[in-house]
Amino acid sequence: MYFRKAEPVSMARLWIVTIFVCSGCHRDIAPHTAAKRSVDEKAVTPKPSVEMRPASESDSLQSPESLSTSTPQIETNAHVSQIPLGNWSSVTLTGNRVSVNYSEERKRLQEHPTQVVREYIAFLDSTNGNVRTTAMGLLRDAGRLAVPEMLSHTKESASLYVQRALFLILGDVGDQSVCKDLEGIYLSQRESMDPRTMSCLVEAMAKLGGHRYLEIFRRHLASADGNEDLQYTLAKVLAEMDDRSGTQVFLKMLKSIDPSSKRMARKYLCKLYSKDFGFDEAQWRAWIENQK
């Protein structure tokens, strides 16, 4: 009888001990569990959402056709401010992204072409790289309307960057009528112009004038020792005219440590000789010598 009466008491005490031990374990484990849960929550906490949508035609933020990629509109909670760009009121800066209402800019360009083009040219000298890129796109989009002012500023600008950008854009949007002006700049500043700026001018002349400058560029290449950028540009534009005067420049480039230079050298050697010896400068040189 004693053991039969004691049995329920023992079971009750067992339950009490079990509850006590479990609650103690819970107190010991809970802080660690909470800490782990906190870390996990931080790891999966979503970042602020960024909504992307293409711009409508009425409020276009698409790049003009002259730009290689389209720029979707980005809406965030970040601060959006008007950047101090004079009358370029349709341009905003969100973070480091420049957004442009191109339809409004085209309207302004038609109404005040000289003033607007001058604004774009001034922005080529901006310290913000995205503003400079946007200005170049707008000048290309302006096309022939921008040519007179761009030609004028290639002679007046004190900024090498602006000069280089304008020469490259003129090569894209100009026509045969621009060749005479570019040729005049070339002849008058050939000895004094910065080699990289001269390279941009040579590219523009080659795009617009082609073979009419073949002999001029040949002579220039022969006297361009020491200016590797200019030598490469002259060799490249001559190769585009199927002229082999720049062969030695390309052979030298095959030994460059710059992979892109080596690829370009191989590309033009293959174009000129219809052979491909890869990047083996010795094999190229031996084969070319045997063709003489």
Protein backbone atom coordinates (compact mmCIF):
# COMPACT_ATOMS: atom_id res chain seq x y z
CA MET A 1 0.00 0.00 0.00
CA TYR A 2 2.83 2.36 0.82
CA PHE A 3 4.40 1.96 -2.54
CA ARG A 4 1.08 2.22 -4.32
CA LYS A 5 0.40 5.52 -2.49
CA ALA A 6 3.88 6.83 -3.04
CA GLU A 7 3.83 6.22 -6.78
CA PRO A 8 1.62 9.19 -7.70
CA VAL A 9 3.71 11.44 -5.45
CA SER A 10 6.92 10.35 -7.18
CA MET A 11 5.40 11.04 -10.59
CA ALA A 12 4.31 14.49 -9.49
CA ARG A 13 7.75 15.28 -8.16
CA LEU A 14 9.24 14.00 -11.42
CA TRP A 15 7.07 16.41 -13.38
CA ILE A 16 8.08 19.30 -11.15
CA VAL A 17 11.78 18.50 -11.57
CA THR A 18 11.34 18.15 -15.33
CA ILE A 19 9.59 21.51 -15.61
CA PHE A 20 12.23 23.17 -13.45
CA VAL A 21 15.13 21.76 -15.49
CA CYS A 22 13.51 22.65 -18.79
CA SER A 23 12.75 26.18 -17.67
CA GLY A 24 16.37 26.54 -16.56
CA CYS A 25 17.59 25.34 -19.93
CA HIS A 26 15.26 27.79 -21.57
CA ARG A 27 16.72 30.63 -19.55
CA ASP A 28 20.24 29.54 -20.56
CA ILE A 29 19.46 29.04 -24.23
CA ALA A 30 17.07 31.92 -24.84
CA PRO A 31 19.67 34.71 -25.02
CA HIS A 32 21.70 32.77 -27.60
CA THR A 33 18.60 31.97 -29.62
CA ALA A 34 17.51 35.59 -29.53
CA ALA A 35 20.95 36.76 -30.58
CA LYS A 36 21.04 34.31 -33.48
CA ARG A 37 17.54 35.35 -34.55
CA SER A 38 18.63 39.00 -34.46
CA VAL A 39 21.64 38.24 -36.69
CA ASP A 40 19.48 36.23 -39.09
CA GLU A 41 16.95 39.05 -39.29
CA LYS A 42 19.72 41.52 -40.08
CA ALA A 43 21.08 39.22 -42.77
CA VAL A 44 17.75 39.03 -44.57
CA THR A 45 16.52 42.54 -43.94
CA PRO A 46 15.64 43.84 -47.43
CA LYS A 47 17.33 46.95 -48.74
CA PRO A 48 15.21 49.97 -49.60
CA SER A 49 13.40 49.22 -52.82
CA VAL A 50 14.42 50.85 -56.08
CA GLU A 51 11.70 51.14 -58.65
CA MET A 52 12.76 51.11 -62.29
CA ARG A 53 10.43 51.99 -65.10
CA PRO A 54 11.00 53.09 -68.69
CA ALA A 55 10.26 56.73 -69.34
CA SER A 56 7.25 57.76 -71.33
CA GLU A 57 7.61 59.71 -74.57
CA SER A 58 6.18 62.83 -72.97
CA ASP A 59 8.76 62.80 -70.19
CA SER A 60 11.55 60.86 -71.82
CA LEU A 61 14.62 59.90 -69.89
CA GLN A 62 15.79 57.59 -72.67
CA SER A 63 19.17 58.36 -74.17
CA PRO A 64 19.05 59.78 -77.70
CA GLU A 65 19.58 57.41 -80.58
CA SER A 66 23.19 58.51 -80.83
CA LEU A 67 23.92 56.95 -77.44
CA SER A 68 24.70 53.26 -77.35
CA THR A 69 22.55 52.34 -74.35
CA SER A 70 19.21 53.46 -73.00
CA THR A 71 18.93 54.91 -69.53
CA PRO A 72 15.83 53.83 -67.56
CA GLN A 73 14.32 56.22 -65.08
CA ILE A 74 15.28 55.39 -61.51
CA GLU A 75 13.09 56.47 -58.63
CA THR A 76 14.41 56.22 -55.08
CA ASN A 77 13.92 58.01 -51.82
CA ALA A 78 17.36 59.58 -52.31
CA HIS A 79 17.71 63.34 -52.43
CA VAL A 80 16.95 64.73 -55.89
CA SER A 81 18.40 68.15 -56.64
CA GLN A 82 18.68 70.49 -59.57
CA ILE A 83 22.32 70.75 -60.48
CA PRO A 84 23.59 74.27 -61.26
CA LEU A 85 23.51 74.06 -65.04
CA GLY A 86 22.09 77.43 -65.97
CA ASN A 87 19.10 77.05 -68.28
CA TRP A 88 19.61 73.30 -68.54
CA SER A 89 16.53 73.01 -66.37
CA SER A 90 15.40 69.60 -67.59
CA VAL A 91 18.45 67.92 -66.07
CA THR A 92 18.42 66.50 -62.54
CA LEU A 93 20.97 64.62 -60.50
CA THR A 94 19.83 61.66 -58.41
CA GLY A 95 22.77 60.37 -56.44
CA ASN A 96 25.37 60.22 -59.18
CA ARG A 97 22.94 59.61 -62.06
CA VAL A 98 22.04 62.35 -64.51
CA SER A 99 18.49 62.29 -65.87
CA VAL A 100 17.47 64.32 -68.91
CA ASN A 101 14.15 65.16 -70.49
CA TYR A 102 15.32 64.91 -74.09
CA SER A 103 12.04 66.06 -75.62
CA GLU A 104 12.31 69.33 -73.68
CA GLU A 105 15.96 69.73 -74.66
CA ARG A 106 15.16 69.24 -78.34
CA LYS A 107 12.50 71.92 -78.07
CA ARG A 108 14.95 74.33 -76.44
CA LEU A 109 17.51 73.52 -79.13
CA GLN A 110 15.11 74.44 -81.91
CA GLU A 111 14.17 77.72 -80.23
CA HIS A 112 17.65 78.86 -79.14
CA PRO A 113 20.25 76.70 -80.93
CA THR A 114 23.33 78.85 -80.33
CA GLN A 115 22.64 79.42 -76.63
CA VAL A 116 21.78 75.79 -75.91
CA VAL A 117 24.79 74.38 -77.79
CA ARG A 118 27.08 76.74 -75.88
CA GLU A 119 25.62 75.42 -72.63
CA TYR A 120 26.31 71.83 -73.67
CA ILE A 121 29.89 72.69 -74.63
CA ALA A 122 30.44 74.41 -71.27
CA PHE A 123 29.22 71.28 -69.48
CA LEU A 124 31.89 69.21 -71.24
CA ASP A 125 34.29 70.73 -68.70
CA SER A 126 32.18 69.65 -65.70
CA THR A 127 33.87 67.82 -62.83
CA ASN A 128 30.97 65.32 -62.92
CA GLY A 129 31.77 62.56 -65.40
CA ASN A 130 28.10 61.73 -65.94
CA VAL A 131 27.35 65.35 -66.80
CA ARG A 132 30.18 65.34 -69.36
CA THR A 133 28.91 62.12 -70.93
CA THR A 134 25.36 63.49 -71.07
CA ALA A 135 26.57 66.71 -72.70
CA MET A 136 28.39 64.71 -75.38
CA GLY A 137 25.21 62.74 -76.06
CA LEU A 138 23.16 65.94 -76.36
CA LEU A 139 25.68 67.47 -78.77
CA ARG A 140 25.55 64.35 -80.93
CA ASP A 141 21.77 64.47 -80.79
CA ALA A 142 21.87 68.13 -81.92
CA GLY A 143 23.81 67.07 -85.01
CA ARG A 144 24.38 69.70 -87.69
CA LEU A 145 22.83 72.44 -85.54
CA ALA A 146 25.78 72.13 -83.17
CA VAL A 147 28.57 72.08 -85.78
CA PRO A 148 29.29 75.84 -86.13
CA GLU A 149 29.62 76.40 -82.38
CA MET A 150 31.67 73.25 -81.91
CA LEU A 151 34.11 74.32 -84.62
CA SER A 152 34.42 77.72 -83.00
CA HIS A 153 35.13 76.25 -79.58
CA THR A 154 37.78 73.83 -80.86
CA LYS A 155 39.85 76.94 -81.59
CA GLU A 156 38.94 78.91 -78.47
CA SER A 157 38.72 76.34 -75.68
CA ALA A 158 41.54 76.30 -73.14
CA SER A 159 40.50 72.82 -71.96
CA LEU A 160 42.18 69.88 -73.65
CA TYR A 161 39.32 67.60 -72.63
CA VAL A 162 36.76 69.87 -74.32
CA GLN A 163 38.84 70.05 -77.49
CA ARG A 164 39.21 66.27 -77.65
CA ALA A 165 35.51 65.69 -77.05
CA LEU A 166 34.51 68.22 -79.71
CA PHE A 167 36.81 66.71 -82.34
CA LEU A 168 35.37 63.24 -81.70
CA ILE A 169 31.79 64.52 -81.88
CA LEU A 170 32.53 66.48 -85.08
CA GLY A 171 33.81 63.28 -86.61
CA ASP A 172 30.44 61.66 -85.83
CA VAL A 173 28.03 64.46 -86.86
CA GLY A 174 30.01 66.53 -89.37
CA ASP A 175 30.19 66.19 -93.15
CA GLN A 176 32.54 67.07 -95.99
CA SER A 177 32.00 70.78 -95.39
CA VAL A 178 33.72 70.43 -92.00
CA CYS A 179 36.89 68.94 -93.50
CA LYS A 180 38.33 72.30 -94.56
CA ASP A 181 38.02 73.70 -91.04
CA LEU A 182 39.55 70.61 -89.44
CA GLU A 183 42.35 70.57 -91.99
CA GLY A 184 43.12 74.21 -91.20
CA ILE A 185 43.34 73.42 -87.47
CA TYR A 186 45.53 70.41 -88.24
CA LEU A 187 48.01 72.35 -90.38
CA SER A 188 48.22 75.35 -88.06
CA GLN A 189 48.59 73.36 -84.81
CA ARG A 190 50.30 70.18 -85.94
CA GLU A 191 53.56 71.02 -84.19
CA SER A 192 52.10 72.55 -81.04
CA MET A 193 48.98 70.49 -80.31
CA ASP A 194 48.98 67.94 -77.50
CA PRO A 195 49.49 64.44 -79.05
CA ARG A 196 46.31 62.98 -77.56
CA THR A 197 44.27 65.95 -78.78
CA MET A 198 45.89 65.60 -82.20
CA SER A 199 44.89 61.93 -82.20
CA CYS A 200 41.24 62.94 -81.76
CA LEU A 201 41.55 65.47 -84.58
CA VAL A 202 43.14 62.87 -86.89
CA GLU A 203 40.30 60.43 -86.18
CA ALA A 204 37.70 63.08 -87.03
CA MET A 205 39.49 64.00 -90.27
CA ALA A 206 39.78 60.34 -91.29
CA LYS A 207 36.06 59.74 -90.68
CA LEU A 208 35.01 62.75 -92.72
CA GLY A 209 37.73 62.98 -95.38
CA GLY A 210 39.00 59.44 -95.75
CA HIS A 211 41.52 58.96 -98.55
CA ARG A 212 41.93 62.67 -99.22
CA TYR A 213 44.25 62.71 -96.18
CA LEU A 214 46.18 59.55 -97.06
CA GLU A 215 49.44 61.27 -98.01
CA ILE A 216 49.22 63.78 -95.16
CA PHE A 217 48.84 60.99 -92.60
CA ARG A 218 51.64 58.95 -94.15
CA ARG A 219 54.06 61.84 -93.82
CA HIS A 220 52.86 62.58 -90.30
CA LEU A 221 53.35 58.97 -89.23
CA ALA A 222 56.91 59.02 -90.52
CA SER A 223 57.70 62.02 -88.30
CA ALA A 224 55.69 61.05 -85.22
CA ASP A 225 58.49 59.23 -83.38
CA GLY A 226 58.10 59.21 -79.61
CA ASN A 227 54.33 59.80 -79.54
CA GLU A 228 52.92 56.27 -79.23
CA ASP A 229 49.26 57.35 -78.94
CA LEU A 230 49.53 59.47 -82.07
CA GLN A 231 51.51 56.79 -83.92
CA TYR A 232 48.84 54.22 -83.18
CA THR A 233 46.01 56.54 -84.28
CA LEU A 234 47.77 57.35 -87.56
CA ALA A 235 48.57 53.68 -88.19
CA LYS A 236 44.96 52.73 -87.43
CA VAL A 237 43.34 55.29 -89.76
CA LEU A 238 45.80 54.35 -92.51
CA ALA A 239 44.99 50.66 -92.03
CA GLU A 240 41.30 51.50 -92.38
CA MET A 241 42.27 52.88 -95.81
CA ASP A 242 44.05 49.55 -96.54
CA ASP A 243 47.43 51.28 -96.31
CA ARG A 244 50.28 49.31 -94.74
CA SER A 245 52.39 52.28 -93.64
CA GLY A 246 51.65 51.52 -89.99
CA THR A 247 52.84 47.90 -90.08
CA GLN A 248 55.90 48.56 -87.92
CA VAL A 249 53.71 50.28 -85.31
CA PHE A 250 51.47 47.22 -85.11
CA LEU A 251 54.42 44.84 -84.87
CA LYS A 252 55.77 46.88 -81.97
CA MET A 253 52.36 46.82 -80.28
CA LEU A 254 52.34 43.01 -80.33
CA LYS A 255 55.03 43.13 -77.63
CA SER A 256 53.01 45.49 -75.45
CA ILE A 257 52.06 44.44 -71.93
CA ASP A 258 48.60 45.89 -72.53
CA PRO A 259 46.24 43.10 -73.76
CA SER A 260 43.92 45.53 -75.59
CA SER A 261 46.86 47.02 -77.54
CA LYS A 262 47.98 43.55 -78.58
CA ARG A 263 44.46 42.64 -79.71
CA MET A 264 44.17 45.80 -81.81
CA ALA A 265 47.59 45.22 -83.40
CA ARG A 266 46.63 41.67 -84.33
CA LYS A 267 43.29 42.85 -85.71
CA TYR A 268 44.87 45.35 -88.11
CA LEU A 269 47.69 43.04 -89.18
CA CYS A 270 45.10 40.39 -90.06
CA LYS A 271 43.13 43.02 -91.98
CA LEU A 272 46.14 44.25 -93.93
CA TYR A 273 47.72 40.88 -94.77
CA SER A 274 44.81 38.40 -94.65
CA LYS A 275 46.88 36.15 -92.38
CA ASP A 276 46.76 35.38 -88.68
CA PHE A 277 49.86 34.51 -86.71
CA GLY A 278 48.25 35.42 -83.40
CA PHE A 279 50.43 37.50 -81.10
CA ASP A 280 53.72 36.00 -82.33
CA GLU A 281 55.63 39.15 -83.33
CA ALA A 282 58.64 37.18 -84.67
CA GLN A 283 56.44 35.05 -86.94
CA TRP A 284 54.57 38.08 -88.24
CA ARG A 285 57.80 39.94 -88.90
CA ALA A 286 59.43 36.98 -90.68
CA TRP A 287 56.41 36.41 -92.90
CA ILE A 288 56.12 40.11 -93.81
CA GLU A 289 59.82 40.28 -94.65
CA ASN A 290 59.47 37.28 -96.96
CA GLN A 291 56.71 39.07 -98.90
CA LYS A 292 59.02 41.91 -99.94
